[in-house]
Amino acid sequence: MEETVIEERLAAATAIPASQRSPEVAAFIECCQLQRELAEEQQQDRSLSHQEKTLAALKLTASHFLSP
């Protein structure tokens, strides 16, 4: 059920024109995008290079930092 709430919030946030979004809304959208990218990368069945692991760690850190 929590995923549905997040998906609803994301849909509402992305419906707002970019020029009219508050910094909090923009951060929420970016947080969701980073978490989605990270989840997709982790679902791939292959070992990650050091650079890919570092990028994944940065995405996770940024998503937590940006989370409103």
Protein backbone atom coordinates (compact mmCIF):
# COMPACT_ATOMS: atom_id res chain seq x y z
CA MET A 1 0.00 0.00 0.00
CA GLU A 2 2.88 2.36 0.72
CA GLU A 3 4.12 1.99 -2.87
CA THR A 4 0.74 3.12 -4.13
CA VAL A 5 0.92 6.27 -2.01
CA ILE A 6 4.43 7.02 -3.28
CA GLU A 7 3.35 6.39 -6.87
CA GLU A 8 0.36 8.69 -6.40
CA ARG A 9 2.56 11.42 -4.92
CA LEU A 10 5.04 11.03 -7.79
CA ALA A 11 2.29 11.23 -10.40
CA ALA A 12 0.91 14.37 -8.76
CA ALA A 13 4.39 15.90 -8.50
CA THR A 14 5.30 15.22 -12.12
CA ALA A 15 1.96 16.70 -13.25
CA ILE A 16 3.13 20.09 -11.97
CA PRO A 17 4.98 22.02 -14.71
CA ALA A 18 8.72 22.11 -13.96
CA SER A 19 8.71 25.92 -13.82
CA GLN A 20 6.06 25.86 -11.08
CA ARG A 21 7.51 23.12 -8.87
CA SER A 22 8.72 24.00 -5.40
CA PRO A 23 12.25 22.88 -4.47
CA GLU A 24 10.69 20.19 -2.28
CA VAL A 25 8.64 18.78 -5.16
CA ALA A 26 11.66 18.82 -7.48
CA ALA A 27 13.74 17.04 -4.82
CA PHE A 28 11.02 14.42 -4.32
CA ILE A 29 10.92 13.70 -8.07
CA GLU A 30 14.71 13.44 -8.27
CA CYS A 31 14.77 11.20 -5.18
CA CYS A 32 12.26 8.84 -6.78
CA GLN A 33 14.22 8.77 -10.03
CA LEU A 34 17.48 7.98 -8.25
CA GLN A 35 15.88 5.22 -6.21
CA ARG A 36 14.27 3.73 -9.32
CA GLU A 37 17.62 3.76 -11.17
CA LEU A 38 19.33 2.15 -8.20
CA ALA A 39 16.67 -0.56 -7.92
CA GLU A 40 16.94 -1.33 -11.64
CA GLU A 41 20.72 -1.56 -11.43
CA GLN A 42 20.53 -3.88 -8.42
CA GLN A 43 18.05 -6.17 -10.20
CA GLN A 44 20.44 -6.80 -13.06
CA ASP A 45 22.09 -10.17 -12.69
CA ARG A 46 25.73 -9.21 -13.06
CA SER A 47 28.54 -8.06 -10.84
CA LEU A 48 29.12 -4.32 -10.70
CA SER A 49 32.45 -2.67 -11.36
CA HIS A 50 33.98 -0.47 -8.69
CA GLN A 51 32.82 2.61 -10.60
CA GLU A 52 29.25 1.28 -10.84
CA LYS A 53 29.21 0.45 -7.12
CA THR A 54 30.43 3.97 -6.32
CA LEU A 55 27.76 5.50 -8.55
CA ALA A 56 25.10 3.35 -6.89
CA ALA A 57 26.29 4.49 -3.46
CA LEU A 58 26.15 8.12 -4.59
CA LYS A 59 22.62 7.68 -5.91
CA LEU A 60 21.53 6.13 -2.62
CA THR A 61 23.16 8.92 -0.63
CA ALA A 62 21.64 11.61 -2.86
CA SER A 63 18.21 10.04 -2.67
CA HIS A 64 18.34 10.07 1.15
CA PHE A 65 19.73 13.60 1.22
CA LEU A 66 17.06 14.91 -1.17
CA SER A 67 14.17 13.06 0.43
CA PRO A 68 11.75 15.69 1.77
